[in-house]
């Protein structure tokens, strides 16, 4: 038995299999238990599967499809829901390009002069720098609304696979409707095994090609994993942090709360313990060259934190403040 909940439609799909020699009364008893338990969720239930029950006397017409992957037909079920009309998904995105990078470098080189930081303490200099950087960053690479791209065609489905799929469908229909000899059954079984192996190898080659051509290979591998698992890449994490009586859901504010906590925790612990340490420790200050060496090792990734500035941009403009 398998249970799938369609969250956006308030529907629970229950798939049940009963072997032909299974106890029919026991099957009905367990099925009722499952229905009673899931009915408490207040959602519509759809029961399907291979129950091995003769329903030939059931006169209501139904639509079936031969998908070519099994010797069983698939039944088509149409459901009217409030969200039956699918609208294109809108996403906010920045478009990065080499021309914009050159323009950002030129403007920052002109605007971030040494005299801009005169008369400021460290925090003041950092604020001036970030305000200037963000202003021109948002101006050159503004957030724009895009329609999420439609699912691309499966590159592994070749003309040969399409022909094999049609032949496999024909063999499956032949297997159901006629009395076949032992050799014919063996031929269909071997053809099905070869067909499955070809599809597996074609998917493998397509995935290898996708990873080899990707700039970010780790991201490409996770895209393949999520696609095979059916995971939605545009999930809302819904992070919420509770601090005392206050609840915070803004990611930037949550990051700042963590920053303040770890910045102040040492002083609070010292006051609580009221103990002194006779040994001293010297920490060398971080130099500009060390920071630049770290930036040089950045990968050209487009993912960003709460400041919305990806490593790709930092790696392209870091020479401005050398």
C-alpha atoms as a PDB file:
ATOM      1  CA  UNK A   1       0.000   0.000   0.000  1.00  0.00           C
ATOM      2  CA  UNK A   2       1.171   3.521  -0.817  1.00  0.00           C
ATOM      3  CA  UNK A   3      -0.396   6.830   0.286  1.00  0.00           C
ATOM      4  CA  UNK A   4       0.213  10.177  -1.447  1.00  0.00           C
ATOM      5  CA  UNK A   5      -1.183  13.490  -0.184  1.00  0.00           C
ATOM      6  CA  UNK A   6      -1.699  16.288  -2.737  1.00  0.00           C
ATOM      7  CA  UNK A   7      -1.270  19.270  -0.435  1.00  0.00           C
ATOM      8  CA  UNK A   8      -2.499  21.931  -2.850  1.00  0.00           C
ATOM      9  CA  UNK A   9      -5.714  20.075  -3.660  1.00  0.00           C
ATOM     10  CA  UNK A  10      -6.728  18.553  -0.285  1.00  0.00           C
ATOM     11  CA  UNK A  11      -6.728  15.063  -1.801  1.00  0.00           C
ATOM     12  CA  UNK A  12      -5.211  11.813  -0.513  1.00  0.00           C
ATOM     13  CA  UNK A  13      -4.529   9.065  -3.055  1.00  0.00           C
ATOM     14  CA  UNK A  14      -4.392   5.512  -1.649  1.00  0.00           C
ATOM     15  CA  UNK A  15      -2.882   2.795  -3.823  1.00  0.00           C
ATOM     16  CA  UNK A  16      -3.561  -0.789  -2.620  1.00  0.00           C
ATOM     17  CA  UNK A  17      -2.516  -4.136  -4.060  1.00  0.00           C
ATOM     18  CA  UNK A  18      -4.184  -7.442  -3.125  1.00  0.00           C
ATOM     19  CA  UNK A  19      -2.688 -10.712  -4.320  1.00  0.00           C
ATOM     20  CA  UNK A  20      -5.131 -13.045  -6.144  1.00  0.00           C
ATOM     21  CA  UNK A  21      -4.864 -15.705  -3.414  1.00  0.00           C
ATOM     22  CA  UNK A  22      -5.141 -13.212  -0.537  1.00  0.00           C
ATOM     23  CA  UNK A  23      -7.918 -13.318   2.085  1.00  0.00           C
ATOM     24  CA  UNK A  24     -10.642 -11.058   0.671  1.00  0.00           C
ATOM     25  CA  UNK A  25     -12.399 -10.431   4.017  1.00  0.00           C
ATOM     26  CA  UNK A  26      -9.101  -9.486   5.671  1.00  0.00           C
ATOM     27  CA  UNK A  27      -8.398  -7.147   2.772  1.00  0.00           C
ATOM     28  CA  UNK A  28     -11.773  -5.414   3.252  1.00  0.00           C
ATOM     29  CA  UNK A  29     -11.217  -5.113   7.007  1.00  0.00           C
ATOM     30  CA  UNK A  30      -7.808  -3.459   6.631  1.00  0.00           C
ATOM     31  CA  UNK A  31      -9.072  -1.225   3.858  1.00  0.00           C
ATOM     32  CA  UNK A  32     -11.842   0.089   6.116  1.00  0.00           C
ATOM     33  CA  UNK A  33      -9.323   0.784   8.890  1.00  0.00           C
ATOM     34  CA  UNK A  34      -7.202   2.836   6.497  1.00  0.00           C
ATOM     35  CA  UNK A  35     -10.236   4.759   5.241  1.00  0.00           C
ATOM     36  CA  UNK A  36     -11.433   5.589   8.774  1.00  0.00           C
ATOM     37  CA  UNK A  37      -7.986   6.768   9.856  1.00  0.00           C
ATOM     38  CA  UNK A  38      -7.367   8.983   6.813  1.00  0.00           C
ATOM     39  CA  UNK A  39     -10.937  10.335   6.775  1.00  0.00           C
ATOM     40  CA  UNK A  40     -10.144  12.148  10.021  1.00  0.00           C
ATOM     41  CA  UNK A  41      -7.949  14.553   8.019  1.00  0.00           C
ATOM     42  CA  UNK A  42     -11.058  15.994   6.363  1.00  0.00           C
ATOM     43  CA  UNK A  43      -9.791  15.510   2.809  1.00  0.00           C
ATOM     44  CA  UNK A  44     -11.068  13.683  -0.252  1.00  0.00           C
ATOM     45  CA  UNK A  45      -9.884  10.093  -0.615  1.00  0.00           C
ATOM     46  CA  UNK A  46      -9.120   8.331  -3.887  1.00  0.00           C
ATOM     47  CA  UNK A  47      -8.706   4.547  -3.688  1.00  0.00           C
ATOM     48  CA  UNK A  48      -7.007   2.801  -6.566  1.00  0.00           C
ATOM     49  CA  UNK A  49      -4.696  -0.099  -7.317  1.00  0.00           C
ATOM     50  CA  UNK A  50      -4.845  -3.740  -8.355  1.00  0.00           C
ATOM     51  CA  UNK A  51      -7.310  -5.475  -6.004  1.00  0.00           C
ATOM     52  CA  UNK A  52      -7.812  -8.567  -8.183  1.00  0.00           C
ATOM     53  CA  UNK A  53     -11.600  -8.197  -7.869  1.00  0.00           C
ATOM     54  CA  UNK A  54     -13.978  -8.921 -10.743  1.00  0.00           C
ATOM     55  CA  UNK A  55     -15.845  -5.678 -11.464  1.00  0.00           C
ATOM     56  CA  UNK A  56     -17.249  -6.736 -14.841  1.00  0.00           C
ATOM     57  CA  UNK A  57     -20.792  -5.986 -13.641  1.00  0.00           C
ATOM     58  CA  UNK A  58     -19.878  -2.359 -12.921  1.00  0.00           C
ATOM     59  CA  UNK A  59     -21.457  -0.522 -15.859  1.00  0.00           C
ATOM     60  CA  UNK A  60     -20.064   3.011 -15.406  1.00  0.00           C
ATOM     61  CA  UNK A  61     -17.621   3.659 -18.283  1.00  0.00           C
ATOM     62  CA  UNK A  62     -13.992   4.451 -17.533  1.00  0.00           C
ATOM     63  CA  UNK A  63     -11.004   5.567 -19.584  1.00  0.00           C
ATOM     64  CA  UNK A  64      -7.865   3.427 -19.646  1.00  0.00           C
ATOM     65  CA  UNK A  65      -4.434   3.922 -21.222  1.00  0.00           C
ATOM     66  CA  UNK A  66      -1.705   1.528 -22.252  1.00  0.00           C
ATOM     67  CA  UNK A  67       1.550   3.175 -21.118  1.00  0.00           C
ATOM     68  CA  UNK A  68       3.784   0.418 -22.451  1.00  0.00           C
ATOM     69  CA  UNK A  69       5.651  -0.232 -19.208  1.00  0.00           C
ATOM     70  CA  UNK A  70       3.481  -3.052 -17.858  1.00  0.00           C
ATOM     71  CA  UNK A  71       0.984  -5.690 -18.880  1.00  0.00           C
ATOM     72  CA  UNK A  72      -1.675  -3.730 -16.934  1.00  0.00           C
ATOM     73  CA  UNK A  73      -3.674  -0.785 -18.198  1.00  0.00           C
ATOM     74  CA  UNK A  74      -3.658   2.573 -16.393  1.00  0.00           C
ATOM     75  CA  UNK A  75      -7.022   4.082 -15.496  1.00  0.00           C
ATOM     76  CA  UNK A  76      -7.569   7.799 -16.140  1.00  0.00           C
ATOM     77  CA  UNK A  77      -9.350   9.796 -13.444  1.00  0.00           C
ATOM     78  CA  UNK A  78     -10.374  13.440 -13.961  1.00  0.00           C
ATOM     79  CA  UNK A  79     -10.992  15.605 -10.885  1.00  0.00           C
ATOM     80  CA  UNK A  80     -12.375  19.132 -10.826  1.00  0.00           C
ATOM     81  CA  UNK A  81     -10.709  21.314  -8.209  1.00  0.00           C
ATOM     82  CA  UNK A  82     -10.494  24.995  -7.406  1.00  0.00           C
ATOM     83  CA  UNK A  83      -6.900  25.033  -8.648  1.00  0.00           C
ATOM     84  CA  UNK A  84      -7.617  23.168 -11.870  1.00  0.00           C
ATOM     85  CA  UNK A  85      -6.456  26.120 -14.020  1.00  0.00           C
ATOM     86  CA  UNK A  86      -2.680  26.257 -13.828  1.00  0.00           C
ATOM     87  CA  UNK A  87      -1.191  29.695 -14.127  1.00  0.00           C
ATOM     88  CA  UNK A  88       2.478  30.334 -14.883  1.00  0.00           C
ATOM     89  CA  UNK A  89       4.616  30.570 -11.761  1.00  0.00           C
ATOM     90  CA  UNK A  90       6.217  33.990 -11.300  1.00  0.00           C
ATOM     91  CA  UNK A  91       9.725  34.254  -9.836  1.00  0.00           C
ATOM     92  CA  UNK A  92      11.918  37.256  -8.988  1.00  0.00           C
ATOM     93  CA  UNK A  93      15.372  36.944 -10.515  1.00  0.00           C
ATOM     94  CA  UNK A  94      18.465  38.968 -11.377  1.00  0.00           C
ATOM     95  CA  UNK A  95      20.069  38.547 -14.794  1.00  0.00           C
ATOM     96  CA  UNK A  96      23.890  38.661 -14.646  1.00  0.00           C
ATOM     97  CA  UNK A  97      26.073  39.250 -17.703  1.00  0.00           C
ATOM     98  CA  UNK A  98      29.633  40.294 -18.561  1.00  0.00           C
ATOM     99  CA  UNK A  99      28.581  43.769 -19.720  1.00  0.00           C
ATOM    100  CA  UNK A 100      26.914  44.470 -16.383  1.00  0.00           C
ATOM    101  CA  UNK A 101      29.995  43.224 -14.529  1.00  0.00           C
ATOM    102  CA  UNK A 102      32.246  45.644 -16.447  1.00  0.00           C
ATOM    103  CA  UNK A 103      29.838  48.525 -15.750  1.00  0.00           C
ATOM    104  CA  UNK A 104      29.730  47.690 -12.021  1.00  0.00           C
ATOM    105  CA  UNK A 105      33.536  47.551 -11.833  1.00  0.00           C
ATOM    106  CA  UNK A 106      33.840  50.942 -13.554  1.00  0.00           C
ATOM    107  CA  UNK A 107      31.290  52.656 -11.275  1.00  0.00           C
ATOM    108  CA  UNK A 108      32.703  51.178  -8.057  1.00  0.00           C
ATOM    109  CA  UNK A 109      36.228  52.166  -9.082  1.00  0.00           C
ATOM    110  CA  UNK A 110      34.990  55.729  -9.562  1.00  0.00           C
ATOM    111  CA  UNK A 111      32.692  56.008  -6.534  1.00  0.00           C
ATOM    112  CA  UNK A 112      34.662  54.143  -3.843  1.00  0.00           C
ATOM    113  CA  UNK A 113      37.535  56.613  -3.587  1.00  0.00           C
ATOM    114  CA  UNK A 114      39.662  56.905  -0.461  1.00  0.00           C
ATOM    115  CA  UNK A 115      38.273  60.352   0.399  1.00  0.00           C
ATOM    116  CA  UNK A 116      34.770  58.842   0.668  1.00  0.00           C
ATOM    117  CA  UNK A 117      35.828  57.063   3.869  1.00  0.00           C
ATOM    118  CA  UNK A 118      37.578  59.997   5.551  1.00  0.00           C
ATOM    119  CA  UNK A 119      36.267  60.881   8.996  1.00  0.00           C
ATOM    120  CA  UNK A 120      34.501  57.554   9.492  1.00  0.00           C
ATOM    121  CA  UNK A 121      35.153  54.816  12.019  1.00  0.00           C
ATOM    122  CA  UNK A 122      35.305  51.165  10.947  1.00  0.00           C
ATOM    123  CA  UNK A 123      31.539  50.655  11.166  1.00  0.00           C
ATOM    124  CA  UNK A 124      30.896  53.897   9.334  1.00  0.00           C
ATOM    125  CA  UNK A 125      33.264  52.934   6.508  1.00  0.00           C
ATOM    126  CA  UNK A 126      31.614  49.542   6.172  1.00  0.00           C
ATOM    127  CA  UNK A 127      28.150  51.148   6.019  1.00  0.00           C
ATOM    128  CA  UNK A 128      29.254  53.635   3.350  1.00  0.00           C
ATOM    129  CA  UNK A 129      30.816  50.819   1.329  1.00  0.00           C
ATOM    130  CA  UNK A 130      27.786  48.503   1.533  1.00  0.00           C
ATOM    131  CA  UNK A 131      25.268  51.292   0.836  1.00  0.00           C
ATOM    132  CA  UNK A 132      27.222  52.365  -2.258  1.00  0.00           C
ATOM    133  CA  UNK A 133      27.716  48.794  -3.432  1.00  0.00           C
ATOM    134  CA  UNK A 134      24.046  47.858  -2.971  1.00  0.00           C
ATOM    135  CA  UNK A 135      22.830  51.022  -4.705  1.00  0.00           C
ATOM    136  CA  UNK A 136      24.722  50.351  -7.937  1.00  0.00           C
ATOM    137  CA  UNK A 137      24.264  46.571  -7.687  1.00  0.00           C
ATOM    138  CA  UNK A 138      20.463  46.998  -7.601  1.00  0.00           C
ATOM    139  CA  UNK A 139      20.624  49.580 -10.379  1.00  0.00           C
ATOM    140  CA  UNK A 140      22.654  47.415 -12.807  1.00  0.00           C
ATOM    141  CA  UNK A 141      21.150  44.022 -11.833  1.00  0.00           C
ATOM    142  CA  UNK A 142      17.575  44.824 -10.752  1.00  0.00           C
ATOM    143  CA  UNK A 143      15.161  42.152  -9.613  1.00  0.00           C
ATOM    144  CA  UNK A 144      12.748  41.344 -12.439  1.00  0.00           C
ATOM    145  CA  UNK A 145       9.633  39.197 -12.595  1.00  0.00           C
ATOM    146  CA  UNK A 146       9.943  36.153 -14.852  1.00  0.00           C
ATOM    147  CA  UNK A 147       7.697  33.265 -15.749  1.00  0.00           C
ATOM    148  CA  UNK A 148       9.243  30.073 -14.482  1.00  0.00           C
ATOM    149  CA  UNK A 149      10.530  28.119 -17.437  1.00  0.00           C
ATOM    150  CA  UNK A 150       8.410  25.186 -18.536  1.00  0.00           C
ATOM    151  CA  UNK A 151       9.692  21.682 -18.058  1.00  0.00           C
ATOM    152  CA  UNK A 152      12.157  20.879 -20.784  1.00  0.00           C
ATOM    153  CA  UNK A 153      11.685  17.941 -23.074  1.00  0.00           C
ATOM    154  CA  UNK A 154      13.377  14.762 -21.984  1.00  0.00           C
ATOM    155  CA  UNK A 155      16.636  14.647 -23.926  1.00  0.00           C
ATOM    156  CA  UNK A 156      17.041  10.904 -23.419  1.00  0.00           C
ATOM    157  CA  UNK A 157      13.894  10.076 -25.428  1.00  0.00           C
ATOM    158  CA  UNK A 158      15.341   9.344 -28.875  1.00  0.00           C
ATOM    159  CA  UNK A 159      13.574   8.280 -32.061  1.00  0.00           C
ATOM    160  CA  UNK A 160      14.665   4.679 -31.458  1.00  0.00           C
ATOM    161  CA  UNK A 161      13.215   4.697 -27.939  1.00  0.00           C
ATOM    162  CA  UNK A 162       9.912   6.081 -29.281  1.00  0.00           C
ATOM    163  CA  UNK A 163       9.714   3.238 -31.799  1.00  0.00           C
ATOM    164  CA  UNK A 164      10.599   0.687 -29.113  1.00  0.00           C
ATOM    165  CA  UNK A 165       7.910   2.158 -26.851  1.00  0.00           C
ATOM    166  CA  UNK A 166       5.262   1.695 -29.549  1.00  0.00           C
ATOM    167  CA  UNK A 167       6.386  -1.886 -30.145  1.00  0.00           C
ATOM    168  CA  UNK A 168       6.387  -2.587 -26.389  1.00  0.00           C
ATOM    169  CA  UNK A 169       2.812  -1.252 -26.166  1.00  0.00           C
ATOM    170  CA  UNK A 170       1.784  -3.498 -29.035  1.00  0.00           C
ATOM    171  CA  UNK A 171       3.423  -6.545 -27.413  1.00  0.00           C
ATOM    172  CA  UNK A 172       1.666  -5.814 -24.115  1.00  0.00           C
ATOM    173  CA  UNK A 173      -1.700  -5.600 -25.847  1.00  0.00           C
ATOM    174  CA  UNK A 174      -0.916  -8.811 -27.739  1.00  0.00           C
ATOM    175  CA  UNK A 175      -0.033 -10.517 -24.477  1.00  0.00           C
ATOM    176  CA  UNK A 176      -3.450  -9.698 -23.025  1.00  0.00           C
ATOM    177  CA  UNK A 177      -5.679 -10.533 -25.929  1.00  0.00           C
ATOM    178  CA  UNK A 178      -4.263 -13.745 -27.421  1.00  0.00           C
ATOM    179  CA  UNK A 179      -3.081 -17.172 -26.314  1.00  0.00           C
ATOM    180  CA  UNK A 180       0.686 -17.123 -26.828  1.00  0.00           C
ATOM    181  CA  UNK A 181       3.156 -19.978 -27.027  1.00  0.00           C
ATOM    182  CA  UNK A 182       6.029 -20.382 -24.629  1.00  0.00           C
ATOM    183  CA  UNK A 183       8.527 -18.960 -27.135  1.00  0.00           C
ATOM    184  CA  UNK A 184       6.349 -15.911 -27.738  1.00  0.00           C
ATOM    185  CA  UNK A 185       6.058 -15.269 -23.987  1.00  0.00           C
ATOM    186  CA  UNK A 186       9.843 -15.596 -23.697  1.00  0.00           C
ATOM    187  CA  UNK A 187      10.371 -13.169 -26.595  1.00  0.00           C
ATOM    188  CA  UNK A 188       8.099 -10.536 -25.001  1.00  0.00           C
ATOM    189  CA  UNK A 189       9.865 -10.948 -21.641  1.00  0.00           C
ATOM    190  CA  UNK A 190      13.311 -10.525 -23.215  1.00  0.00           C
ATOM    191  CA  UNK A 191      12.148  -7.512 -25.236  1.00  0.00           C
ATOM    192  CA  UNK A 192      10.768  -5.880 -22.065  1.00  0.00           C
ATOM    193  CA  UNK A 193      14.063  -6.435 -20.222  1.00  0.00           C
ATOM    194  CA  UNK A 194      16.074  -4.963 -23.113  1.00  0.00           C
ATOM    195  CA  UNK A 195      13.656  -2.031 -23.372  1.00  0.00           C
ATOM    196  CA  UNK A 196      14.027  -1.203 -19.665  1.00  0.00           C
ATOM    197  CA  UNK A 197      17.819  -1.502 -19.876  1.00  0.00           C
ATOM    198  CA  UNK A 198      17.960   0.854 -22.883  1.00  0.00           C
ATOM    199  CA  UNK A 199      15.848   3.465 -21.051  1.00  0.00           C
ATOM    200  CA  UNK A 200      18.084   3.195 -17.988  1.00  0.00           C
ATOM    201  CA  UNK A 201      21.254   3.667 -20.051  1.00  0.00           C
ATOM    202  CA  UNK A 202      19.717   6.565 -22.006  1.00  0.00           C
ATOM    203  CA  UNK A 203      18.782   8.359 -18.763  1.00  0.00           C
ATOM    204  CA  UNK A 204      22.273   7.736 -17.396  1.00  0.00           C
ATOM    205  CA  UNK A 205      23.936   9.214 -20.493  1.00  0.00           C
ATOM    206  CA  UNK A 206      21.640  12.237 -20.411  1.00  0.00           C
ATOM    207  CA  UNK A 207      22.409  12.842 -16.713  1.00  0.00           C
ATOM    208  CA  UNK A 208      26.157  12.502 -17.352  1.00  0.00           C
ATOM    209  CA  UNK A 209      25.898  15.003 -20.211  1.00  0.00           C
ATOM    210  CA  UNK A 210      23.914  17.433 -18.033  1.00  0.00           C
ATOM    211  CA  UNK A 211      26.532  17.281 -15.250  1.00  0.00           C
ATOM    212  CA  UNK A 212      29.508  17.531 -17.653  1.00  0.00           C
ATOM    213  CA  UNK A 213      28.106  20.665 -19.344  1.00  0.00           C
ATOM    214  CA  UNK A 214      27.080  22.384 -16.100  1.00  0.00           C
ATOM    215  CA  UNK A 215      29.228  25.150 -14.606  1.00  0.00           C
ATOM    216  CA  UNK A 216      28.109  24.199 -11.085  1.00  0.00           C
ATOM    217  CA  UNK A 217      28.335  20.402 -11.092  1.00  0.00           C
ATOM    218  CA  UNK A 218      27.148  19.996  -7.493  1.00  0.00           C
ATOM    219  CA  UNK A 219      24.012  21.966  -8.249  1.00  0.00           C
ATOM    220  CA  UNK A 220      23.453  19.945 -11.439  1.00  0.00           C
ATOM    221  CA  UNK A 221      23.655  16.668  -9.502  1.00  0.00           C
ATOM    222  CA  UNK A 222      21.129  17.896  -6.934  1.00  0.00           C
ATOM    223  CA  UNK A 223      18.824  18.994  -9.765  1.00  0.00           C
ATOM    224  CA  UNK A 224      18.863  15.428 -11.108  1.00  0.00           C
ATOM    225  CA  UNK A 225      18.252  13.949  -7.639  1.00  0.00           C
ATOM    226  CA  UNK A 226      15.326  16.288  -6.944  1.00  0.00           C
ATOM    227  CA  UNK A 227      13.847  15.655 -10.399  1.00  0.00           C
ATOM    228  CA  UNK A 228      13.941  11.882  -9.871  1.00  0.00           C
ATOM    229  CA  UNK A 229      12.449  12.218  -6.382  1.00  0.00           C
ATOM    230  CA  UNK A 230       9.814  14.677  -7.583  1.00  0.00           C
ATOM    231  CA  UNK A 231      10.892  17.361  -5.127  1.00  0.00           C
ATOM    232  CA  UNK A 232       9.851  20.946  -5.829  1.00  0.00           C
ATOM    233  CA  UNK A 233      12.849  23.259  -6.170  1.00  0.00           C
ATOM    234  CA  UNK A 234      10.856  26.350  -5.289  1.00  0.00           C
ATOM    235  CA  UNK A 235       9.908  25.366  -1.782  1.00  0.00           C
ATOM    236  CA  UNK A 236       9.318  27.972   0.878  1.00  0.00           C
ATOM    237  CA  UNK A 237      11.385  27.080   3.928  1.00  0.00           C
ATOM    238  CA  UNK A 238       9.208  29.054   6.327  1.00  0.00           C
ATOM    239  CA  UNK A 239      12.023  29.680   8.850  1.00  0.00           C
ATOM    240  CA  UNK A 240      10.808  31.254  12.085  1.00  0.00           C
ATOM    241  CA  UNK A 241      12.867  32.060  15.180  1.00  0.00           C
ATOM    242  CA  UNK A 242      11.407  32.732  18.614  1.00  0.00           C
ATOM    243  CA  UNK A 243      13.346  35.061  20.909  1.00  0.00           C
ATOM    244  CA  UNK A 244      11.520  35.566  24.194  1.00  0.00           C
ATOM    245  CA  UNK A 245       7.997  36.649  23.271  1.00  0.00           C
ATOM    246  CA  UNK A 246       9.040  37.862  19.843  1.00  0.00           C
ATOM    247  CA  UNK A 247       8.755  35.760  16.673  1.00  0.00           C
ATOM    248  CA  UNK A 248      10.837  36.659  13.655  1.00  0.00           C
ATOM    249  CA  UNK A 249      10.390  35.278  10.107  1.00  0.00           C
ATOM    250  CA  UNK A 250      12.560  37.720   8.135  1.00  0.00           C
ATOM    251  CA  UNK A 251      15.760  35.807   7.125  1.00  0.00           C
ATOM    252  CA  UNK A 252      17.926  38.925   7.389  1.00  0.00           C
ATOM    253  CA  UNK A 253      16.652  39.721  10.898  1.00  0.00           C
ATOM    254  CA  UNK A 254      17.167  36.084  11.950  1.00  0.00           C
ATOM    255  CA  UNK A 255      20.768  36.203  10.725  1.00  0.00           C
ATOM    256  CA  UNK A 256      21.314  39.431  12.666  1.00  0.00           C
ATOM    257  CA  UNK A 257      19.836  37.861  15.826  1.00  0.00           C
ATOM    258  CA  UNK A 258      22.303  34.958  15.548  1.00  0.00           C
ATOM    259  CA  UNK A 259      25.141  37.415  14.952  1.00  0.00           C
ATOM    260  CA  UNK A 260      24.278  39.474  18.032  1.00  0.00           C
ATOM    261  CA  UNK A 261      23.911  36.344  20.166  1.00  0.00           C
ATOM    262  CA  UNK A 262      27.344  34.952  19.342  1.00  0.00           C
ATOM    263  CA  UNK A 263      28.942  38.413  19.536  1.00  0.00           C
ATOM    264  CA  UNK A 264      27.646  39.008  23.084  1.00  0.00           C
ATOM    265  CA  UNK A 265      27.764  35.489  24.519  1.00  0.00           C
ATOM    266  CA  UNK A 266      31.442  35.627  25.498  1.00  0.00           C
ATOM    267  CA  UNK A 267      31.003  38.780  27.599  1.00  0.00           C
ATOM    268  CA  UNK A 268      27.904  37.350  29.280  1.00  0.00           C
ATOM    269  CA  UNK A 269      29.671  34.092  30.148  1.00  0.00           C
ATOM    270  CA  UNK A 270      32.616  35.999  31.640  1.00  0.00           C
ATOM    271  CA  UNK A 271      30.276  38.013  33.868  1.00  0.00           C
ATOM    272  CA  UNK A 272      28.443  34.862  34.981  1.00  0.00           C
ATOM    273  CA  UNK A 273      31.575  32.900  35.903  1.00  0.00           C
ATOM    274  CA  UNK A 274      33.520  35.826  37.477  1.00  0.00           C
ATOM    275  CA  UNK A 275      36.758  33.972  36.817  1.00  0.00           C
ATOM    276  CA  UNK A 276      40.029  35.164  35.336  1.00  0.00           C
ATOM    277  CA  UNK A 277      42.600  33.415  33.167  1.00  0.00           C
ATOM    278  CA  UNK A 278      46.291  34.038  33.813  1.00  0.00           C
ATOM    279  CA  UNK A 279      47.314  32.879  30.359  1.00  0.00           C
ATOM    280  CA  UNK A 280      47.078  35.196  27.370  1.00  0.00           C
ATOM    281  CA  UNK A 281      46.454  34.527  23.711  1.00  0.00           C
ATOM    282  CA  UNK A 282      47.339  36.739  20.766  1.00  0.00           C
ATOM    283  CA  UNK A 283      45.281  36.590  17.588  1.00  0.00           C
ATOM    284  CA  UNK A 284      46.907  38.051  14.503  1.00  0.00           C
ATOM    285  CA  UNK A 285      44.717  40.583  12.703  1.00  0.00           C
ATOM    286  CA  UNK A 286      43.361  39.564   9.322  1.00  0.00           C
ATOM    287  CA  UNK A 287      45.245  41.244   6.483  1.00  0.00           C
ATOM    288  CA  UNK A 288      43.904  42.528   3.189  1.00  0.00           C
ATOM    289  CA  UNK A 289      45.970  40.001   1.236  1.00  0.00           C
ATOM    290  CA  UNK A 290      44.476  37.101   3.213  1.00  0.00           C
ATOM    291  CA  UNK A 291      40.947  38.275   2.383  1.00  0.00           C
ATOM    292  CA  UNK A 292      41.838  38.631  -1.304  1.00  0.00           C
ATOM    293  CA  UNK A 293      43.273  35.096  -1.381  1.00  0.00           C
ATOM    294  CA  UNK A 294      40.008  33.764   0.042  1.00  0.00           C
ATOM    295  CA  UNK A 295      37.987  35.698  -2.553  1.00  0.00           C
ATOM    296  CA  UNK A 296      40.147  34.306  -5.375  1.00  0.00           C
ATOM    297  CA  UNK A 297      39.136  30.789  -4.332  1.00  0.00           C
ATOM    298  CA  UNK A 298      35.414  31.579  -4.561  1.00  0.00           C
ATOM    299  CA  UNK A 299      33.470  29.506  -7.068  1.00  0.00           C
ATOM    300  CA  UNK A 300      31.388  31.320  -9.657  1.00  0.00           C
ATOM    301  CA  UNK A 301      28.091  30.450  -7.994  1.00  0.00           C
ATOM    302  CA  UNK A 302      24.908  32.492  -8.375  1.00  0.00           C
ATOM    303  CA  UNK A 303      23.399  31.497  -5.015  1.00  0.00           C
ATOM    304  CA  UNK A 304      23.428  34.334  -2.471  1.00  0.00           C
ATOM    305  CA  UNK A 305      22.812  34.994   1.194  1.00  0.00           C
ATOM    306  CA  UNK A 306      20.603  37.643   2.774  1.00  0.00           C
ATOM    307  CA  UNK A 307      22.645  40.439   1.160  1.00  0.00           C
ATOM    308  CA  UNK A 308      21.609  39.021  -2.261  1.00  0.00           C
ATOM    309  CA  UNK A 309      25.170  39.379  -3.618  1.00  0.00           C
ATOM    310  CA  UNK A 310      26.393  36.062  -5.114  1.00  0.00           C
ATOM    311  CA  UNK A 311      29.997  34.853  -5.144  1.00  0.00           C
ATOM    312  CA  UNK A 312      29.978  35.356  -8.924  1.00  0.00           C
ATOM    313  CA  UNK A 313      29.740  39.138  -8.472  1.00  0.00           C
ATOM    314  CA  UNK A 314      32.302  39.330  -5.649  1.00  0.00           C
ATOM    315  CA  UNK A 315      34.841  37.318  -7.650  1.00  0.00           C
ATOM    316  CA  UNK A 316      34.388  39.630 -10.653  1.00  0.00           C
ATOM    317  CA  UNK A 317      34.725  42.980  -8.837  1.00  0.00           C
ATOM    318  CA  UNK A 318      37.119  42.255  -5.942  1.00  0.00           C
ATOM    319  CA  UNK A 319      40.057  43.927  -7.771  1.00  0.00           C
ATOM    320  CA  UNK A 320      38.287  47.295  -7.336  1.00  0.00           C
ATOM    321  CA  UNK A 321      39.256  47.492  -3.644  1.00  0.00           C
ATOM    322  CA  UNK A 322      42.778  46.056  -3.970  1.00  0.00           C
END
